[in-house]
Amino acid sequence: MACRRLWECLLNLLNFLLTLTGLAMVGYGAYLLVEWNTASSAGNDPVSPTSGHPEFSKFGRSMIYIPADVTGNFDTIYDFLEHHWKIAKWVALGAVVLEVIVEYY
């Protein structure tokens, strides 16, 4: 019994510390937002030098590029899901419901 109470106490302490850390992060974010708003509310700031520069838009292009599927696995998976769509959507809904049940119960 004493071991169980020790674990309960330690887990409650850990939960409290994580909650406190999360609240501190939210508070610090609010503080930074207020500081940023006061620093940027002067009104005479020039436009950001990177706002329309075409070189900076090239950085993210490689992240959104989807290469061609040379293996054919994507087509196989797509065909399978297309043929078994009713089952796939119920499995996906079941996974979401299971996550909600595990999270809140």
PDB file of N, CA and C in Angstrom:
ATOM      1  N   MET A   1       0.814  -1.194   0.000  1.00  0.00           N
ATOM      2  CA  MET A   1       0.000   0.000   0.000  1.00  0.00           C
ATOM      3  C   MET A   1       0.858   1.258   0.000  1.00  0.00           C
ATOM      4  N   ALA A   2       1.954   1.218   0.747  1.00  0.00           N
ATOM      5  CA  ALA A   2       2.798   2.408   0.832  1.00  0.00           C
ATOM      6  C   ALA A   2       3.440   2.715  -0.517  1.00  0.00           C
ATOM      7  N   CYS A   3       3.769   1.667  -1.251  1.00  0.00           N
ATOM      8  CA  CYS A   3       4.383   1.863  -2.559  1.00  0.00           C
ATOM      9  C   CYS A   3       3.402   2.540  -3.521  1.00  0.00           C
ATOM     10  N   ARG A   4       2.148   2.125  -3.439  1.00  0.00           N
ATOM     11  CA  ARG A   4       1.129   2.711  -4.311  1.00  0.00           C
ATOM     12  C   ARG A   4       0.937   4.192  -3.988  1.00  0.00           C
ATOM     13  N   ARG A   5       0.897   4.530  -2.715  1.00  0.00           N
ATOM     14  CA  ARG A   5       0.730   5.932  -2.320  1.00  0.00           C
ATOM     15  C   ARG A   5       1.932   6.767  -2.749  1.00  0.00           C
ATOM     16  N   LEU A   6       3.112   6.168  -2.694  1.00  0.00           N
ATOM     17  CA  LEU A   6       4.307   6.879  -3.135  1.00  0.00           C
ATOM     18  C   LEU A   6       4.208   7.208  -4.620  1.00  0.00           C
ATOM     19  N   TRP A   7       3.810   6.211  -5.423  1.00  0.00           N
ATOM     20  CA  TRP A   7       3.670   6.436  -6.865  1.00  0.00           C
ATOM     21  C   TRP A   7       2.587   7.460  -7.167  1.00  0.00           C
ATOM     22  N   GLU A   8       1.474   7.405  -6.433  1.00  0.00           N
ATOM     23  CA  GLU A   8       0.410   8.393  -6.631  1.00  0.00           C
ATOM     24  C   GLU A   8       0.916   9.793  -6.322  1.00  0.00           C
ATOM     25  N   CYS A   9       1.663   9.911  -5.257  1.00  0.00           N
ATOM     26  CA  CYS A   9       2.203  11.213  -4.871  1.00  0.00           C
ATOM     27  C   CYS A   9       3.192  11.723  -5.916  1.00  0.00           C
ATOM     28  N   LEU A  10       4.071  10.844  -6.385  1.00  0.00           N
ATOM     29  CA  LEU A  10       5.051  11.251  -7.392  1.00  0.00           C
ATOM     30  C   LEU A  10       4.383  11.637  -8.708  1.00  0.00           C
ATOM     31  N   LEU A  11       3.368  10.878  -9.119  1.00  0.00           N
ATOM     32  CA  LEU A  11       2.674  11.203 -10.358  1.00  0.00           C
ATOM     33  C   LEU A  11       1.878  12.497 -10.233  1.00  0.00           C
ATOM     34  N   ASN A  12       1.276  12.725  -9.067  1.00  0.00           N
ATOM     35  CA  ASN A  12       0.581  13.994  -8.849  1.00  0.00           C
ATOM     36  C   ASN A  12       1.560  15.163  -8.874  1.00  0.00           C
ATOM     37  N   LEU A  13       2.720  14.976  -8.289  1.00  0.00           N
ATOM     38  CA  LEU A  13       3.738  16.018  -8.308  1.00  0.00           C
ATOM     39  C   LEU A  13       4.208  16.286  -9.735  1.00  0.00           C
ATOM     40  N   LEU A  14       4.428  15.228 -10.504  1.00  0.00           N
ATOM     41  CA  LEU A  14       4.832  15.385 -11.898  1.00  0.00           C
ATOM     42  C   LEU A  14       3.746  16.097 -12.699  1.00  0.00           C
ATOM     43  N   ASN A  15       2.496  15.724 -12.488  1.00  0.00           N
ATOM     44  CA  ASN A  15       1.385  16.375 -13.173  1.00  0.00           C
ATOM     45  C   ASN A  15       1.333  17.858 -12.821  1.00  0.00           C
ATOM     46  N   PHE A  16       1.525  18.183 -11.549  1.00  0.00           N
ATOM     47  CA  PHE A  16       1.529  19.577 -11.119  1.00  0.00           C
ATOM     48  C   PHE A  16       2.663  20.348 -11.783  1.00  0.00           C
ATOM     49  N   LEU A  17       3.857  19.758 -11.825  1.00  0.00           N
ATOM     50  CA  LEU A  17       4.997  20.443 -12.429  1.00  0.00           C
ATOM     51  C   LEU A  17       4.797  20.655 -13.925  1.00  0.00           C
ATOM     52  N   LEU A  18       4.242  19.663 -14.607  1.00  0.00           N
ATOM     53  CA  LEU A  18       3.985  19.824 -16.038  1.00  0.00           C
ATOM     54  C   LEU A  18       2.921  20.885 -16.293  1.00  0.00           C
ATOM     55  N   THR A  19       1.898  20.927 -15.459  1.00  0.00           N
ATOM     56  CA  THR A  19       0.872  21.961 -15.593  1.00  0.00           C
ATOM     57  C   THR A  19       1.462  23.337 -15.349  1.00  0.00           C
ATOM     58  N   LEU A  20       2.282  23.454 -14.331  1.00  0.00           N
ATOM     59  CA  LEU A  20       2.924  24.724 -14.020  1.00  0.00           C
ATOM     60  C   LEU A  20       3.844  25.166 -15.156  1.00  0.00           C
ATOM     61  N   THR A  21       4.572  24.232 -15.735  1.00  0.00           N
ATOM     62  CA  THR A  21       5.445  24.547 -16.859  1.00  0.00           C
ATOM     63  C   THR A  21       4.635  25.008 -18.063  1.00  0.00           C
ATOM     64  N   GLY A  22       3.539  24.333 -18.341  1.00  0.00           N
ATOM     65  CA  GLY A  22       2.683  24.734 -19.454  1.00  0.00           C
ATOM     66  C   GLY A  22       2.097  26.116 -19.261  1.00  0.00           C
ATOM     67  N   LEU A  23       1.640  26.408 -18.049  1.00  0.00           N
ATOM     68  CA  LEU A  23       1.107  27.742 -17.769  1.00  0.00           C
ATOM     69  C   LEU A  23       2.194  28.806 -17.880  1.00  0.00           C
ATOM     70  N   ALA A  24       3.398  28.470 -17.457  1.00  0.00           N
ATOM     71  CA  ALA A  24       4.506  29.414 -17.586  1.00  0.00           C
ATOM     72  C   ALA A  24       4.817  29.682 -19.055  1.00  0.00           C
ATOM     73  N   MET A  25       4.752  28.659 -19.892  1.00  0.00           N
ATOM     74  CA  MET A  25       4.996  28.845 -21.320  1.00  0.00           C
ATOM     75  C   MET A  25       3.931  29.725 -21.954  1.00  0.00           C
ATOM     76  N   VAL A  26       2.675  29.506 -21.583  1.00  0.00           N
ATOM     77  CA  VAL A  26       1.593  30.337 -22.112  1.00  0.00           C
ATOM     78  C   VAL A  26       1.762  31.781 -21.639  1.00  0.00           C
ATOM     79  N   GLY A  27       2.096  31.961 -20.377  1.00  0.00           N
ATOM     80  CA  GLY A  27       2.317  33.305 -19.852  1.00  0.00           C
ATOM     81  C   GLY A  27       3.479  34.007 -20.530  1.00  0.00           C
ATOM     82  N   TYR A  28       4.560  33.290 -20.768  1.00  0.00           N
ATOM     83  CA  TYR A  28       5.712  33.880 -21.441  1.00  0.00           C
ATOM     84  C   TYR A  28       5.360  34.232 -22.882  1.00  0.00           C
ATOM     85  N   GLY A  29       4.559  33.386 -23.531  1.00  0.00           N
ATOM     86  CA  GLY A  29       4.108  33.701 -24.884  1.00  0.00           C
ATOM     87  C   GLY A  29       3.261  34.957 -24.919  1.00  0.00           C
ATOM     88  N   ALA A  30       2.379  35.118 -23.938  1.00  0.00           N
ATOM     89  CA  ALA A  30       1.565  36.336 -23.861  1.00  0.00           C
ATOM     90  C   ALA A  30       2.453  37.555 -23.615  1.00  0.00           C
ATOM     91  N   TYR A  31       3.446  37.401 -22.749  1.00  0.00           N
ATOM     92  CA  TYR A  31       4.384  38.497 -22.490  1.00  0.00           C
ATOM     93  C   TYR A  31       5.126  38.891 -23.767  1.00  0.00           C
ATOM     94  N   LEU A  32       5.609  37.907 -24.523  1.00  0.00           N
ATOM     95  CA  LEU A  32       6.320  38.205 -25.763  1.00  0.00           C
ATOM     96  C   LEU A  32       5.404  38.851 -26.790  1.00  0.00           C
ATOM     97  N   LEU A  33       4.144  38.438 -26.833  1.00  0.00           N
ATOM     98  CA  LEU A  33       3.189  39.045 -27.755  1.00  0.00           C
ATOM     99  C   LEU A  33       2.963  40.515 -27.410  1.00  0.00           C
ATOM    100  N   VAL A  34       2.829  40.827 -26.125  1.00  0.00           N
ATOM    101  CA  VAL A  34       2.658  42.220 -25.705  1.00  0.00           C
ATOM    102  C   VAL A  34       3.905  43.031 -26.042  1.00  0.00           C
ATOM    103  N   GLU A  35       5.077  42.481 -25.778  1.00  0.00           N
ATOM    104  CA  GLU A  35       6.318  43.183 -26.101  1.00  0.00           C
ATOM    105  C   GLU A  35       6.444  43.430 -27.598  1.00  0.00           C
ATOM    106  N   TRP A  36       6.081  42.448 -28.400  1.00  0.00           N
ATOM    107  CA  TRP A  36       6.161  42.595 -29.849  1.00  0.00           C
ATOM    108  C   TRP A  36       5.174  43.645 -30.338  1.00  0.00           C
ATOM    109  N   ASN A  37       3.960  43.642 -29.776  1.00  0.00           N
ATOM    110  CA  ASN A  37       2.968  44.637 -30.180  1.00  0.00           C
ATOM    111  C   ASN A  37       3.411  46.047 -29.815  1.00  0.00           C
ATOM    112  N   THR A  38       4.011  46.223 -28.652  1.00  0.00           N
ATOM    113  CA  THR A  38       4.463  47.566 -28.279  1.00  0.00           C
ATOM    114  C   THR A  38       5.669  47.993 -29.101  1.00  0.00           C
ATOM    115  N   ALA A  39       6.522  47.063 -29.478  1.00  0.00           N
ATOM    116  CA  ALA A  39       7.696  47.408 -30.276  1.00  0.00           C
ATOM    117  C   ALA A  39       7.328  47.705 -31.723  1.00  0.00           C
ATOM    118  N   SER A  40       6.286  47.067 -32.232  1.00  0.00           N
ATOM    119  CA  SER A  40       5.936  47.251 -33.639  1.00  0.00           C
ATOM    120  C   SER A  40       4.803  48.240 -33.847  1.00  0.00           C
ATOM    121  N   SER A  41       4.367  48.937 -32.810  1.00  0.00           N
ATOM    122  CA  SER A  41       3.244  49.864 -32.961  1.00  0.00           C
ATOM    123  C   SER A  41       3.701  51.300 -33.179  1.00  0.00           C
ATOM    124  N   ALA A  42       4.959  51.515 -33.509  1.00  0.00           N
ATOM    125  CA  ALA A  42       5.449  52.871 -33.721  1.00  0.00           C
ATOM    126  C   ALA A  42       4.807  53.496 -34.955  1.00  0.00           C
ATOM    127  N   GLY A  43       4.505  52.719 -35.969  1.00  0.00           N
ATOM    128  CA  GLY A  43       3.813  53.215 -37.140  1.00  0.00           C
ATOM    129  C   GLY A  43       4.723  53.705 -38.243  1.00  0.00           C
ATOM    130  N   ASN A  44       5.960  54.049 -37.952  1.00  0.00           N
ATOM    131  CA  ASN A  44       6.857  54.551 -38.981  1.00  0.00           C
ATOM    132  C   ASN A  44       7.895  53.514 -39.394  1.00  0.00           C
ATOM    133  N   ASP A  45       7.644  52.262 -39.105  1.00  0.00           N
ATOM    134  CA  ASP A  45       8.577  51.209 -39.477  1.00  0.00           C
ATOM    135  C   ASP A  45       8.540  51.000 -40.988  1.00  0.00           C
ATOM    136  N   PRO A  46       9.697  50.824 -41.607  1.00  0.00           N
ATOM    137  CA  PRO A  46       9.688  50.528 -43.036  1.00  0.00           C
ATOM    138  C   PRO A  46       9.182  49.110 -43.279  1.00  0.00           C
ATOM    139  N   VAL A  47       8.834  48.849 -44.512  1.00  0.00           N
ATOM    140  CA  VAL A  47       8.384  47.514 -44.882  1.00  0.00           C
ATOM    141  C   VAL A  47       9.553  46.553 -44.721  1.00  0.00           C
ATOM    142  N   SER A  48       9.253  45.370 -44.286  1.00  0.00           N
ATOM    143  CA  SER A  48      10.291  44.369 -44.079  1.00  0.00           C
ATOM    144  C   SER A  48      11.061  44.137 -45.371  1.00  0.00           C
ATOM    145  N   PRO A  49      12.388  44.056 -45.321  1.00  0.00           N
ATOM    146  CA  PRO A  49      13.162  43.880 -46.553  1.00  0.00           C
ATOM    147  C   PRO A  49      12.949  42.521 -47.210  1.00  0.00           C
ATOM    148  N   THR A  50      12.383  41.568 -46.510  1.00  0.00           N
ATOM    149  CA  THR A  50      12.175  40.247 -47.099  1.00  0.00           C
ATOM    150  C   THR A  50      10.746  40.034 -47.565  1.00  0.00           C
ATOM    151  N   SER A  51       9.919  41.081 -47.547  1.00  0.00           N
ATOM    152  CA  SER A  51       8.500  40.876 -47.810  1.00  0.00           C
ATOM    153  C   SER A  51       8.226  40.418 -49.234  1.00  0.00           C
ATOM    154  N   GLY A  52       8.908  40.962 -50.228  1.00  0.00           N
ATOM    155  CA  GLY A  52       8.597  40.582 -51.594  1.00  0.00           C
ATOM    156  C   GLY A  52       9.783  40.041 -52.357  1.00  0.00           C
ATOM    157  N   HIS A  53      10.819  39.704 -51.668  1.00  0.00           N
ATOM    158  CA  HIS A  53      12.037  39.253 -52.328  1.00  0.00           C
ATOM    159  C   HIS A  53      11.838  37.835 -52.857  1.00  0.00           C
ATOM    160  N   PRO A  54      12.060  37.598 -54.147  1.00  0.00           N
ATOM    161  CA  PRO A  54      11.788  36.262 -54.705  1.00  0.00           C
ATOM    162  C   PRO A  54      12.757  35.179 -54.243  1.00  0.00           C
ATOM    163  N   GLU A  55      13.945  35.560 -53.787  1.00  0.00           N
ATOM    164  CA  GLU A  55      14.908  34.550 -53.352  1.00  0.00           C
ATOM    165  C   GLU A  55      14.421  33.792 -52.122  1.00  0.00           C
ATOM    166  N   PHE A  56      13.681  34.456 -51.247  1.00  0.00           N
ATOM    167  CA  PHE A  56      13.234  33.814 -50.018  1.00  0.00           C
ATOM    168  C   PHE A  56      12.079  32.854 -50.254  1.00  0.00           C
ATOM    169  N   SER A  57      11.370  33.019 -51.354  1.00  0.00           N
ATOM    170  CA  SER A  57      10.283  32.080 -51.642  1.00  0.00           C
ATOM    171  C   SER A  57      10.818  30.757 -52.170  1.00  0.00           C
ATOM    172  N   LYS A  58      12.082  30.709 -52.564  1.00  0.00           N
ATOM    173  CA  LYS A  58      12.669  29.469 -53.077  1.00  0.00           C
ATOM    174  C   LYS A  58      13.001  28.483 -51.963  1.00  0.00           C
ATOM    175  N   PHE A  59      13.150  28.973 -50.739  1.00  0.00           N
ATOM    176  CA  PHE A  59      13.546  28.093 -49.645  1.00  0.00           C
ATOM    177  C   PHE A  59      12.509  27.015 -49.366  1.00  0.00           C
ATOM    178  N   GLY A  60      11.241  27.350 -49.428  1.00  0.00           N
ATOM    179  CA  GLY A  60      10.199  26.400 -49.084  1.00  0.00           C
ATOM    180  C   GLY A  60       9.739  25.522 -50.224  1.00  0.00           C
ATOM    181  N   ARG A  61      10.220  25.780 -51.425  1.00  0.00           N
ATOM    182  CA  ARG A  61       9.740  25.006 -52.567  1.00  0.00           C
ATOM    183  C   ARG A  61      10.129  23.540 -52.490  1.00  0.00           C
ATOM    184  N   SER A  62      11.294  23.263 -51.971  1.00  0.00           N
ATOM    185  CA  SER A  62      11.702  21.862 -51.878  1.00  0.00           C
ATOM    186  C   SER A  62      10.876  21.109 -50.847  1.00  0.00           C
ATOM    187  N   MET A  63      10.270  21.829 -49.910  1.00  0.00           N
ATOM    188  CA  MET A  63       9.457  21.178 -48.892  1.00  0.00           C
ATOM    189  C   MET A  63       8.094  20.755 -49.436  1.00  0.00           C
ATOM    190  N   ILE A  64       7.576  21.467 -50.443  1.00  0.00           N
ATOM    191  CA  ILE A  64       6.257  21.133 -50.968  1.00  0.00           C
ATOM    192  C   ILE A  64       6.334  20.321 -52.252  1.00  0.00           C
ATOM    193  N   TYR A  65       7.518  20.048 -52.731  1.00  0.00           N
ATOM    194  CA  TYR A  65       7.681  19.269 -53.944  1.00  0.00           C
ATOM    195  C   TYR A  65       7.425  17.795 -53.643  1.00  0.00           C
ATOM    196  N   ILE A  66       6.496  17.202 -54.365  1.00  0.00           N
ATOM    197  CA  ILE A  66       6.188  15.785 -54.194  1.00  0.00           C
ATOM    198  C   ILE A  66       6.775  15.044 -55.390  1.00  0.00           C
ATOM    199  N   PRO A  67       7.750  14.197 -55.168  1.00  0.00           N
ATOM    200  CA  PRO A  67       8.383  13.507 -56.293  1.00  0.00           C
ATOM    201  C   PRO A  67       7.466  12.450 -56.894  1.00  0.00           C
ATOM    202  N   ALA A  68       7.778  12.069 -58.110  1.00  0.00           N
ATOM    203  CA  ALA A  68       7.005  11.023 -58.778  1.00  0.00           C
ATOM    204  C   ALA A  68       7.255   9.688 -58.087  1.00  0.00           C
ATOM    205  N   ASP A  69       6.218   8.861 -58.038  1.00  0.00           N
ATOM    206  CA  ASP A  69       6.321   7.561 -57.384  1.00  0.00           C
ATOM    207  C   ASP A  69       6.847   6.543 -58.391  1.00  0.00           C
ATOM    208  N   VAL A  70       8.122   6.209 -58.275  1.00  0.00           N
ATOM    209  CA  VAL A  70       8.719   5.270 -59.218  1.00  0.00           C
ATOM    210  C   VAL A  70       8.458   3.820 -58.820  1.00  0.00           C
ATOM    211  N   THR A  71       8.078   3.583 -57.564  1.00  0.00           N
ATOM    212  CA  THR A  71       7.848   2.212 -57.110  1.00  0.00           C
ATOM    213  C   THR A  71       6.450   1.723 -57.428  1.00  0.00           C
ATOM    214  N   GLY A  72       5.499   2.633 -57.566  1.00  0.00           N
ATOM    215  CA  GLY A  72       4.119   2.241 -57.812  1.00  0.00           C
ATOM    216  C   GLY A  72       3.350   1.923 -56.548  1.00  0.00           C
ATOM    217  N   ASN A  73       3.987   2.086 -55.385  1.00  0.00           N
ATOM    218  CA  ASN A  73       3.314   1.789 -54.119  1.00  0.00           C
ATOM    219  C   ASN A  73       2.165   2.742 -53.843  1.00  0.00           C
ATOM    220  N   PHE A  74       2.335   4.005 -54.236  1.00  0.00           N
ATOM    221  CA  PHE A  74       1.267   4.968 -53.993  1.00  0.00           C
ATOM    222  C   PHE A  74       0.016   4.586 -54.779  1.00  0.00           C
ATOM    223  N   ASP A  75       0.199   4.184 -56.023  1.00  0.00           N
ATOM    224  CA  ASP A  75      -0.960   3.777 -56.829  1.00  0.00           C
ATOM    225  C   ASP A  75      -1.628   2.543 -56.239  1.00  0.00           C
ATOM    226  N   THR A  76      -0.838   1.617 -55.722  1.00  0.00           N
ATOM    227  CA  THR A  76      -1.399   0.412 -55.113  1.00  0.00           C
ATOM    228  C   THR A  76      -2.227   0.760 -53.879  1.00  0.00           C
ATOM    229  N   ILE A  77      -1.680   1.613 -53.032  1.00  0.00           N
ATOM    230  CA  ILE A  77      -2.404   2.018 -51.826  1.00  0.00           C
ATOM    231  C   ILE A  77      -3.651   2.805 -52.195  1.00  0.00           C
ATOM    232  N   TYR A  78      -3.530   3.701 -53.171  1.00  0.00           N
ATOM    233  CA  TYR A  78      -4.674   4.510 -53.588  1.00  0.00           C
ATOM    234  C   TYR A  78      -5.780   3.628 -54.155  1.00  0.00           C
ATOM    235  N   ASP A  79      -5.412   2.657 -54.978  1.00  0.00           N
ATOM    236  CA  ASP A  79      -6.423   1.744 -55.530  1.00  0.00           C
ATOM    237  C   ASP A  79      -7.091   0.925 -54.429  1.00  0.00           C
ATOM    238  N   PHE A  80      -6.299   0.454 -53.467  1.00  0.00           N
ATOM    239  CA  PHE A  80      -6.866  -0.319 -52.363  1.00  0.00           C
ATOM    240  C   PHE A  80      -7.868   0.516 -51.574  1.00  0.00           C
ATOM    241  N   LEU A  81      -7.480   1.756 -51.240  1.00  0.00           N
ATOM    242  CA  LEU A  81      -8.394   2.617 -50.490  1.00  0.00           C
ATOM    243  C   LEU A  81      -9.625   2.987 -51.307  1.00  0.00           C
ATOM    244  N   GLU A  82      -9.459   3.133 -52.602  1.00  0.00           N
ATOM    245  CA  GLU A  82     -10.593   3.464 -53.459  1.00  0.00           C
ATOM    246  C   GLU A  82     -11.594   2.314 -53.500  1.00  0.00           C
ATOM    247  N   HIS A  83     -11.111   1.092 -53.524  1.00  0.00           N
ATOM    248  CA  HIS A  83     -11.995  -0.076 -53.581  1.00  0.00           C
ATOM    249  C   HIS A  83     -12.609  -0.401 -52.220  1.00  0.00           C
ATOM    250  N   HIS A  84     -11.917  -0.096 -51.144  1.00  0.00           N
ATOM    251  CA  HIS A  84     -12.380  -0.430 -49.798  1.00  0.00           C
ATOM    252  C   HIS A  84     -12.649   0.828 -48.978  1.00  0.00           C
ATOM    253  N   TRP A  85     -13.223   1.841 -49.601  1.00  0.00           N
ATOM    254  CA  TRP A  85     -13.389   3.123 -48.937  1.00  0.00           C
ATOM    255  C   TRP A  85     -14.325   3.044 -47.736  1.00  0.00           C
ATOM    256  N   LYS A  86     -15.396   2.278 -47.824  1.00  0.00           N
ATOM    257  CA  LYS A  86     -16.341   2.190 -46.712  1.00  0.00           C
ATOM    258  C   LYS A  86     -15.665   1.619 -45.466  1.00  0.00           C
ATOM    259  N   ILE A  87     -14.869   0.600 -45.644  1.00  0.00           N
ATOM    260  CA  ILE A  87     -14.169   0.000 -44.508  1.00  0.00           C
ATOM    261  C   ILE A  87     -13.104   0.958 -43.975  1.00  0.00           C
ATOM    262  N   ALA A  88     -12.369   1.610 -44.877  1.00  0.00           N
ATOM    263  CA  ALA A  88     -11.279   2.497 -44.463  1.00  0.00           C
ATOM    264  C   ALA A  88     -11.795   3.674 -43.647  1.00  0.00           C
ATOM    265  N   LYS A  89     -12.936   4.238 -44.045  1.00  0.00           N
ATOM    266  CA  LYS A  89     -13.427   5.385 -43.281  1.00  0.00           C
ATOM    267  C   LYS A  89     -13.942   4.967 -41.910  1.00  0.00           C
ATOM    268  N   TRP A  90     -14.491   3.749 -41.786  1.00  0.00           N
ATOM    269  CA  TRP A  90     -14.924   3.282 -40.470  1.00  0.00           C
ATOM    270  C   TRP A  90     -13.731   2.961 -39.581  1.00  0.00           C
ATOM    271  N   VAL A  91     -12.665   2.439 -40.174  1.00  0.00           N
ATOM    272  CA  VAL A  91     -11.445   2.179 -39.401  1.00  0.00           C
ATOM    273  C   VAL A  91     -10.847   3.498 -38.911  1.00  0.00           C
ATOM    274  N   ALA A  92     -10.823   4.513 -39.777  1.00  0.00           N
ATOM    275  CA  ALA A  92     -10.294   5.820 -39.374  1.00  0.00           C
ATOM    276  C   ALA A  92     -11.156   6.441 -38.278  1.00  0.00           C
ATOM    277  N   LEU A  93     -12.471   6.340 -38.415  1.00  0.00           N
ATOM    278  CA  LEU A  93     -13.361   6.867 -37.382  1.00  0.00           C
ATOM    279  C   LEU A  93     -13.161   6.113 -36.070  1.00  0.00           C
ATOM    280  N   GLY A  94     -12.983   4.803 -36.154  1.00  0.00           N
ATOM    281  CA  GLY A  94     -12.724   4.014 -34.954  1.00  0.00           C
ATOM    282  C   GLY A  94     -11.427   4.416 -34.276  1.00  0.00           C
ATOM    283  N   ALA A  95     -10.396   4.736 -35.066  1.00  0.00           N
ATOM    284  CA  ALA A  95      -9.126   5.171 -34.483  1.00  0.00           C
ATOM    285  C   ALA A  95      -9.286   6.497 -33.751  1.00  0.00           C
ATOM    286  N   VAL A  96     -10.055   7.411 -34.333  1.00  0.00           N
ATOM    287  CA  VAL A  96     -10.285   8.702 -33.680  1.00  0.00           C
ATOM    288  C   VAL A  96     -11.081   8.514 -32.395  1.00  0.00           C
ATOM    289  N   VAL A  97     -12.127   7.687 -32.439  1.00  0.00           N
ATOM    290  CA  VAL A  97     -12.935   7.431 -31.246  1.00  0.00           C
ATOM    291  C   VAL A  97     -12.089   6.764 -30.167  1.00  0.00           C
ATOM    292  N   LEU A  98     -11.232   5.826 -30.556  1.00  0.00           N
ATOM    293  CA  LEU A  98     -10.355   5.165 -29.595  1.00  0.00           C
ATOM    294  C   LEU A  98      -9.408   6.163 -28.932  1.00  0.00           C
ATOM    295  N   GLU A  99      -8.856   7.090 -29.700  1.00  0.00           N
ATOM    296  CA  GLU A  99      -7.981   8.099 -29.117  1.00  0.00           C
ATOM    297  C   GLU A  99      -8.733   8.984 -28.133  1.00  0.00           C
ATOM    298  N   VAL A 100      -9.963   9.338 -28.457  1.00  0.00           N
ATOM    299  CA  VAL A 100     -10.755  10.167 -27.546  1.00  0.00           C
ATOM    300  C   VAL A 100     -11.051   9.405 -26.266  1.00  0.00           C
ATOM    301  N   ILE A 101     -11.406   8.133 -26.397  1.00  0.00           N
ATOM    302  CA  ILE A 101     -11.709   7.325 -25.212  1.00  0.00           C
ATOM    303  C   ILE A 101     -10.471   7.176 -24.331  1.00  0.00           C
ATOM    304  N   VAL A 102      -9.332   6.908 -24.943  1.00  0.00           N
ATOM    305  CA  VAL A 102      -8.102   6.738 -24.169  1.00  0.00           C
ATOM    306  C   VAL A 102      -7.702   8.055 -23.507  1.00  0.00           C
ATOM    307  N   GLU A 103      -7.921   9.163 -24.193  1.00  0.00           N
ATOM    308  CA  GLU A 103      -7.516  10.458 -23.655  1.00  0.00           C
ATOM    309  C   GLU A 103      -8.379  10.900 -22.484  1.00  0.00           C
ATOM    310  N   TYR A 104      -9.675  10.656 -22.542  1.00  0.00           N
ATOM    311  CA  TYR A 104     -10.578  11.212 -21.545  1.00  0.00           C
ATOM    312  C   TYR A 104     -11.098  10.200 -20.530  1.00  0.00           C
ATOM    313  N   TYR A 105     -10.739   8.942 -20.643  1.00  0.00           N
ATOM    314  CA  TYR A 105     -11.234   7.963 -19.666  1.00  0.00           C
ATOM    315  C   TYR A 105     -10.122   7.162 -19.097  1.00  0.00           C
TER     316      TYR A 105
END
